[in-house]
Amino acid sequence: MEIIQIIVIGIISTIIVVMLKDERPEIAMQISLVAGILIFLFMIGRITVVIQALQQIATKVNIEFTYINVVLKIIAIAYLTSFGIEICKDAGQTSIAGKIEMAGKILIITLSIPVLMAVMDMVIKIMP
């Protein structure tokens, strides 16, 4: 099971980071970063399955793929932003983490504008 491998990577990395944090904080940070990247790489296969399923659903329901694309981009931005924020917080850089969070929110809002405009157009067409 993949989750067992992910948990083992997480626990071993955590133990190593805790042991090295006081003596070698730069190495502890690098180990934490590598562990996060490894866990992310484990999940790439699962992410592609979800994307393919969403594409099939969009085709069956006759939703424009543009909207699905936007939703997938927003989800990707949210996850990557969260990943970056956690790395910065682990390194003690909460100020930089806040800036990453702000940038992620702005990008999500920017991407969602076309979808919002399409919904508003539909509402206007429905109203007499």
N, C-alpha and C. Protein backbone atom coordinates (compact mmCIF):
# COMPACT_ATOMS: atom_id res chain seq x y z
N MET A 1 0.83 -1.19 0.00
CA MET A 1 0.00 0.00 0.00
C MET A 1 0.88 1.25 0.00
N GLU A 2 0.49 2.18 -0.84
CA GLU A 2 1.27 3.42 -0.96
C GLU A 2 1.25 4.25 0.31
N ILE A 3 0.15 4.25 1.00
CA ILE A 3 0.05 5.10 2.20
C ILE A 3 1.05 4.66 3.26
N ILE A 4 1.33 3.37 3.33
CA ILE A 4 2.31 2.89 4.31
C ILE A 4 3.69 3.43 3.96
N GLN A 5 4.04 3.41 2.67
CA GLN A 5 5.33 3.94 2.24
C GLN A 5 5.42 5.44 2.54
N ILE A 6 4.34 6.14 2.29
CA ILE A 6 4.32 7.59 2.54
C ILE A 6 4.47 7.87 4.03
N ILE A 7 3.77 7.12 4.85
CA ILE A 7 3.86 7.32 6.31
C ILE A 7 5.27 7.01 6.80
N VAL A 8 5.86 5.94 6.28
CA VAL A 8 7.23 5.58 6.69
C VAL A 8 8.20 6.69 6.29
N ILE A 9 8.09 7.21 5.07
CA ILE A 9 8.95 8.32 4.65
C ILE A 9 8.75 9.51 5.59
N GLY A 10 7.50 9.82 5.90
CA GLY A 10 7.21 10.95 6.78
C GLY A 10 7.77 10.77 8.18
N ILE A 11 7.58 9.60 8.75
CA ILE A 11 8.05 9.36 10.13
C ILE A 11 9.57 9.35 10.20
N ILE A 12 10.22 8.65 9.27
CA ILE A 12 11.68 8.60 9.27
C ILE A 12 12.26 10.00 9.06
N SER A 13 11.68 10.74 8.13
CA SER A 13 12.15 12.11 7.88
C SER A 13 11.97 12.97 9.11
N THR A 14 10.85 12.83 9.78
CA THR A 14 10.58 13.62 10.98
C THR A 14 11.59 13.31 12.08
N ILE A 15 11.88 12.04 12.26
CA ILE A 15 12.85 11.65 13.30
C ILE A 15 14.22 12.25 12.98
N ILE A 16 14.64 12.14 11.71
CA ILE A 16 15.95 12.68 11.32
C ILE A 16 15.98 14.20 11.48
N VAL A 17 14.90 14.86 11.06
CA VAL A 17 14.84 16.32 11.17
C VAL A 17 14.90 16.76 12.63
N VAL A 18 14.18 16.08 13.50
CA VAL A 18 14.18 16.44 14.93
C VAL A 18 15.57 16.25 15.52
N MET A 19 16.26 15.17 15.12
CA MET A 19 17.60 14.92 15.65
C MET A 19 18.62 15.94 15.15
N LEU A 20 18.47 16.39 13.91
CA LEU A 20 19.45 17.31 13.32
C LEU A 20 19.12 18.79 13.48
N LYS A 21 17.90 19.09 13.90
CA LYS A 21 17.43 20.48 13.90
C LYS A 21 18.32 21.42 14.71
N ASP A 22 18.80 20.99 15.84
CA ASP A 22 19.61 21.86 16.69
C ASP A 22 21.04 21.97 16.20
N GLU A 23 21.62 20.84 15.75
CA GLU A 23 23.02 20.83 15.36
C GLU A 23 23.25 21.28 13.92
N ARG A 24 22.40 20.82 13.00
CA ARG A 24 22.57 21.11 11.57
C ARG A 24 21.23 21.50 10.95
N PRO A 25 20.72 22.69 11.25
CA PRO A 25 19.40 23.08 10.76
C PRO A 25 19.29 23.13 9.24
N GLU A 26 20.40 23.44 8.55
CA GLU A 26 20.35 23.50 7.09
C GLU A 26 20.12 22.11 6.48
N ILE A 27 20.73 21.10 7.07
CA ILE A 27 20.52 19.73 6.57
C ILE A 27 19.12 19.25 6.94
N ALA A 28 18.66 19.61 8.12
CA ALA A 28 17.30 19.24 8.53
C ALA A 28 16.27 19.81 7.58
N MET A 29 16.48 21.05 7.16
CA MET A 29 15.57 21.69 6.21
C MET A 29 15.59 20.97 4.87
N GLN A 30 16.76 20.60 4.40
CA GLN A 30 16.87 19.89 3.13
C GLN A 30 16.21 18.52 3.18
N ILE A 31 16.36 17.83 4.29
CA ILE A 31 15.72 16.52 4.44
C ILE A 31 14.20 16.68 4.43
N SER A 32 13.71 17.70 5.11
CA SER A 32 12.28 17.96 5.12
C SER A 32 11.77 18.25 3.72
N LEU A 33 12.51 19.03 2.97
CA LEU A 33 12.13 19.36 1.60
C LEU A 33 12.13 18.12 0.71
N VAL A 34 13.15 17.31 0.81
CA VAL A 34 13.24 16.08 0.01
C VAL A 34 12.09 15.13 0.35
N ALA A 35 11.77 15.02 1.62
CA ALA A 35 10.65 14.16 2.03
C ALA A 35 9.34 14.64 1.41
N GLY A 36 9.12 15.94 1.43
CA GLY A 36 7.91 16.49 0.83
C GLY A 36 7.84 16.24 -0.66
N ILE A 37 8.97 16.38 -1.33
CA ILE A 37 9.01 16.14 -2.78
C ILE A 37 8.78 14.67 -3.08
N LEU A 38 9.37 13.78 -2.29
CA LEU A 38 9.16 12.34 -2.50
C LEU A 38 7.68 11.97 -2.34
N ILE A 39 7.05 12.50 -1.32
CA ILE A 39 5.64 12.22 -1.10
C ILE A 39 4.81 12.76 -2.26
N PHE A 40 5.16 13.95 -2.73
CA PHE A 40 4.45 14.52 -3.88
C PHE A 40 4.63 13.65 -5.12
N LEU A 41 5.83 13.16 -5.35
CA LEU A 41 6.09 12.30 -6.51
C LEU A 41 5.30 10.98 -6.43
N PHE A 42 5.13 10.47 -5.22
CA PHE A 42 4.31 9.27 -5.04
C PHE A 42 2.87 9.51 -5.49
N MET A 43 2.40 10.72 -5.33
CA MET A 43 1.00 11.03 -5.61
C MET A 43 0.72 11.45 -7.05
N ILE A 44 1.74 11.70 -7.85
CA ILE A 44 1.52 12.15 -9.22
C ILE A 44 0.68 11.16 -10.01
N GLY A 45 0.93 9.88 -9.83
CA GLY A 45 0.13 8.86 -10.53
C GLY A 45 -1.34 8.94 -10.16
N ARG A 46 -1.62 9.17 -8.92
CA ARG A 46 -3.02 9.29 -8.46
C ARG A 46 -3.67 10.57 -9.00
N ILE A 47 -2.89 11.61 -9.10
CA ILE A 47 -3.42 12.88 -9.61
C ILE A 47 -3.86 12.73 -11.06
N THR A 48 -3.08 12.02 -11.86
CA THR A 48 -3.44 11.83 -13.26
C THR A 48 -4.73 11.02 -13.39
N VAL A 49 -4.95 10.07 -12.50
CA VAL A 49 -6.21 9.29 -12.51
C VAL A 49 -7.39 10.21 -12.24
N VAL A 50 -7.25 11.11 -11.28
CA VAL A 50 -8.33 12.05 -10.95
C VAL A 50 -8.61 12.97 -12.14
N ILE A 51 -7.56 13.45 -12.78
CA ILE A 51 -7.74 14.35 -13.93
C ILE A 51 -8.47 13.62 -15.06
N GLN A 52 -8.09 12.38 -15.33
CA GLN A 52 -8.76 11.62 -16.38
C GLN A 52 -10.22 11.36 -16.04
N ALA A 53 -10.50 11.08 -14.78
CA ALA A 53 -11.90 10.87 -14.36
C ALA A 53 -12.71 12.14 -14.55
N LEU A 54 -12.14 13.29 -14.18
CA LEU A 54 -12.85 14.55 -14.36
C LEU A 54 -13.09 14.85 -15.84
N GLN A 55 -12.14 14.49 -16.68
CA GLN A 55 -12.32 14.69 -18.13
C GLN A 55 -13.46 13.82 -18.64
N GLN A 56 -13.55 12.60 -18.19
CA GLN A 56 -14.64 11.71 -18.61
C GLN A 56 -15.99 12.22 -18.13
N ILE A 57 -16.04 12.70 -16.90
CA ILE A 57 -17.29 13.24 -16.37
C ILE A 57 -17.70 14.48 -17.17
N ALA A 58 -16.74 15.34 -17.45
CA ALA A 58 -17.04 16.56 -18.22
C ALA A 58 -17.57 16.21 -19.60
N THR A 59 -17.02 15.19 -20.22
CA THR A 59 -17.48 14.77 -21.54
C THR A 59 -18.90 14.22 -21.47
N LYS A 60 -19.19 13.42 -20.47
CA LYS A 60 -20.53 12.82 -20.33
C LYS A 60 -21.58 13.87 -20.02
N VAL A 61 -21.24 14.84 -19.22
CA VAL A 61 -22.20 15.86 -18.80
C VAL A 61 -22.26 17.01 -19.79
N ASN A 62 -21.35 17.03 -20.74
CA ASN A 62 -21.27 18.04 -21.77
C ASN A 62 -20.89 19.42 -21.20
N ILE A 63 -19.90 19.40 -20.33
CA ILE A 63 -19.35 20.64 -19.77
C ILE A 63 -18.13 21.00 -20.61
N GLU A 64 -17.99 22.29 -20.91
CA GLU A 64 -16.83 22.73 -21.66
C GLU A 64 -15.56 22.40 -20.89
N PHE A 65 -14.59 21.84 -21.60
CA PHE A 65 -13.35 21.43 -20.95
C PHE A 65 -12.57 22.64 -20.41
N THR A 66 -12.83 23.80 -20.95
CA THR A 66 -12.16 25.01 -20.47
C THR A 66 -12.43 25.21 -18.98
N TYR A 67 -13.68 24.98 -18.57
CA TYR A 67 -14.03 25.17 -17.16
C TYR A 67 -13.36 24.12 -16.28
N ILE A 68 -13.31 22.90 -16.75
CA ILE A 68 -12.63 21.84 -16.00
C ILE A 68 -11.14 22.17 -15.88
N ASN A 69 -10.58 22.69 -16.95
CA ASN A 69 -9.18 23.09 -16.95
C ASN A 69 -8.92 24.15 -15.88
N VAL A 70 -9.80 25.12 -15.81
CA VAL A 70 -9.66 26.20 -14.83
C VAL A 70 -9.74 25.62 -13.41
N VAL A 71 -10.69 24.74 -13.18
CA VAL A 71 -10.84 24.14 -11.85
C VAL A 71 -9.58 23.35 -11.48
N LEU A 72 -9.04 22.60 -12.43
CA LEU A 72 -7.83 21.83 -12.16
C LEU A 72 -6.64 22.74 -11.86
N LYS A 73 -6.55 23.84 -12.57
CA LYS A 73 -5.47 24.80 -12.31
C LYS A 73 -5.62 25.41 -10.92
N ILE A 74 -6.84 25.72 -10.55
CA ILE A 74 -7.08 26.30 -9.23
C ILE A 74 -6.71 25.29 -8.14
N ILE A 75 -7.08 24.04 -8.32
CA ILE A 75 -6.73 23.00 -7.35
C ILE A 75 -5.21 22.86 -7.27
N ALA A 76 -4.54 22.86 -8.41
CA ALA A 76 -3.08 22.75 -8.43
C ALA A 76 -2.43 23.92 -7.71
N ILE A 77 -2.92 25.12 -7.96
CA ILE A 77 -2.37 26.30 -7.28
C ILE A 77 -2.57 26.18 -5.78
N ALA A 78 -3.75 25.73 -5.36
CA ALA A 78 -4.03 25.60 -3.93
C ALA A 78 -3.08 24.60 -3.27
N TYR A 79 -2.89 23.44 -3.90
CA TYR A 79 -2.01 22.43 -3.31
C TYR A 79 -0.55 22.88 -3.31
N LEU A 80 -0.09 23.44 -4.42
CA LEU A 80 1.30 23.87 -4.48
C LEU A 80 1.57 25.03 -3.53
N THR A 81 0.61 25.93 -3.41
CA THR A 81 0.74 27.04 -2.47
C THR A 81 0.84 26.52 -1.04
N SER A 82 -0.03 25.58 -0.71
CA SER A 82 0.00 24.98 0.62
C SER A 82 1.35 24.32 0.89
N PHE A 83 1.87 23.61 -0.10
CA PHE A 83 3.16 22.94 0.03
C PHE A 83 4.26 23.98 0.29
N GLY A 84 4.28 25.04 -0.49
CA GLY A 84 5.27 26.10 -0.31
C GLY A 84 5.16 26.78 1.04
N ILE A 85 3.93 27.03 1.47
CA ILE A 85 3.70 27.66 2.78
C ILE A 85 4.25 26.79 3.89
N GLU A 86 3.97 25.51 3.84
CA GLU A 86 4.44 24.61 4.90
C GLU A 86 5.96 24.52 4.93
N ILE A 87 6.60 24.53 3.76
CA ILE A 87 8.06 24.50 3.72
C ILE A 87 8.63 25.76 4.37
N CYS A 88 8.05 26.90 4.03
CA CYS A 88 8.51 28.16 4.64
C CYS A 88 8.28 28.17 6.14
N LYS A 89 7.14 27.68 6.58
CA LYS A 89 6.86 27.65 8.02
C LYS A 89 7.82 26.71 8.74
N ASP A 90 8.14 25.57 8.10
CA ASP A 90 9.10 24.64 8.71
C ASP A 90 10.47 25.29 8.87
N ALA A 91 10.81 26.17 7.95
CA ALA A 91 12.09 26.87 8.01
C ALA A 91 12.03 28.09 8.92
N GLY A 92 10.86 28.36 9.50
CA GLY A 92 10.72 29.51 10.39
C GLY A 92 10.48 30.82 9.67
N GLN A 93 10.13 30.77 8.41
CA GLN A 93 9.92 31.98 7.61
C GLN A 93 8.43 32.24 7.39
N THR A 94 7.75 32.61 8.47
CA THR A 94 6.30 32.82 8.38
C THR A 94 5.96 34.03 7.51
N SER A 95 6.85 35.00 7.45
CA SER A 95 6.60 36.19 6.63
C SER A 95 6.56 35.80 5.15
N ILE A 96 7.51 35.01 4.71
CA ILE A 96 7.53 34.56 3.32
C ILE A 96 6.33 33.65 3.05
N ALA A 97 5.97 32.83 4.02
CA ALA A 97 4.81 31.96 3.88
C ALA A 97 3.54 32.78 3.65
N GLY A 98 3.43 33.89 4.36
CA GLY A 98 2.28 34.77 4.18
C GLY A 98 2.23 35.37 2.78
N LYS A 99 3.39 35.71 2.26
CA LYS A 99 3.43 36.26 0.89
C LYS A 99 3.06 35.22 -0.15
N ILE A 100 3.49 33.99 0.07
CA ILE A 100 3.11 32.90 -0.85
C ILE A 100 1.61 32.68 -0.80
N GLU A 101 1.05 32.72 0.41
CA GLU A 101 -0.39 32.53 0.55
C GLU A 101 -1.16 33.63 -0.18
N MET A 102 -0.72 34.87 -0.02
CA MET A 102 -1.37 35.99 -0.70
C MET A 102 -1.30 35.81 -2.23
N ALA A 103 -0.13 35.43 -2.73
CA ALA A 103 0.04 35.24 -4.17
C ALA A 103 -0.86 34.12 -4.68
N GLY A 104 -0.95 33.05 -3.94
CA GLY A 104 -1.83 31.94 -4.33
C GLY A 104 -3.28 32.38 -4.40
N LYS A 105 -3.72 33.15 -3.43
CA LYS A 105 -5.11 33.63 -3.43
C LYS A 105 -5.37 34.54 -4.62
N ILE A 106 -4.43 35.43 -4.91
CA ILE A 106 -4.60 36.34 -6.05
C ILE A 106 -4.66 35.55 -7.35
N LEU A 107 -3.80 34.55 -7.51
CA LEU A 107 -3.83 33.73 -8.72
C LEU A 107 -5.14 32.96 -8.85
N ILE A 108 -5.65 32.45 -7.75
CA ILE A 108 -6.92 31.71 -7.78
C ILE A 108 -8.06 32.64 -8.18
N ILE A 109 -8.08 33.82 -7.61
CA ILE A 109 -9.13 34.79 -7.97
C ILE A 109 -9.03 35.15 -9.44
N THR A 110 -7.82 35.38 -9.91
CA THR A 110 -7.61 35.73 -11.32
C THR A 110 -8.11 34.63 -12.25
N LEU A 111 -7.80 33.39 -11.91
CA LEU A 111 -8.25 32.27 -12.74
C LEU A 111 -9.76 32.07 -12.70
N SER A 112 -10.37 32.41 -11.59
CA SER A 112 -11.81 32.15 -11.45
C SER A 112 -12.68 33.21 -12.12
N ILE A 113 -12.11 34.34 -12.51
CA ILE A 113 -12.91 35.41 -13.13
C ILE A 113 -13.65 34.95 -14.38
N PRO A 114 -13.02 34.23 -15.33
CA PRO A 114 -13.77 33.79 -16.52
C PRO A 114 -14.95 32.88 -16.18
N VAL A 115 -14.78 32.02 -15.20
CA VAL A 115 -15.89 31.13 -14.79
C VAL A 115 -17.00 31.96 -14.18
N LEU A 116 -16.65 32.90 -13.34
CA LEU A 116 -17.64 33.78 -12.72
C LEU A 116 -18.40 34.57 -13.79
N MET A 117 -17.70 35.08 -14.78
CA MET A 117 -18.34 35.83 -15.86
C MET A 117 -19.30 34.94 -16.66
N ALA A 118 -18.91 33.69 -16.90
CA ALA A 118 -19.79 32.77 -17.63
C ALA A 118 -21.05 32.48 -16.83
N VAL A 119 -20.92 32.32 -15.53
CA VAL A 119 -22.10 32.09 -14.68
C VAL A 119 -23.01 33.32 -14.70
N MET A 120 -22.42 34.49 -14.63
CA MET A 120 -23.23 35.71 -14.66
C MET A 120 -23.94 35.86 -16.00
N ASP A 121 -23.27 35.51 -17.10
CA ASP A 121 -23.92 35.56 -18.42
C ASP A 121 -25.11 34.62 -18.48
N MET A 122 -24.94 33.42 -17.90
CA MET A 122 -26.05 32.46 -17.89
C MET A 122 -27.23 32.98 -17.09
N VAL A 123 -26.95 33.59 -15.95
CA VAL A 123 -28.01 34.14 -15.10
C VAL A 123 -28.74 35.27 -15.83
N ILE A 124 -27.99 36.12 -16.52
CA ILE A 124 -28.59 37.23 -17.25
C ILE A 124 -29.49 36.71 -18.38
N LYS A 125 -29.07 35.64 -19.05
CA LYS A 125 -29.87 35.06 -20.14
C LYS A 125 -31.15 34.43 -19.61
N ILE A 126 -31.10 33.88 -18.42
CA ILE A 126 -32.28 33.23 -17.82
C ILE A 126 -33.30 34.27 -17.35
N MET A 127 -32.82 35.39 -16.82
CA MET A 127 -33.73 36.43 -16.31
C MET A 127 -34.44 37.12 -17.45
N PRO A 128 -35.75 37.45 -17.26
CA PRO A 128 -36.49 38.12 -18.32
C PRO A 128 -36.06 39.57 -18.52
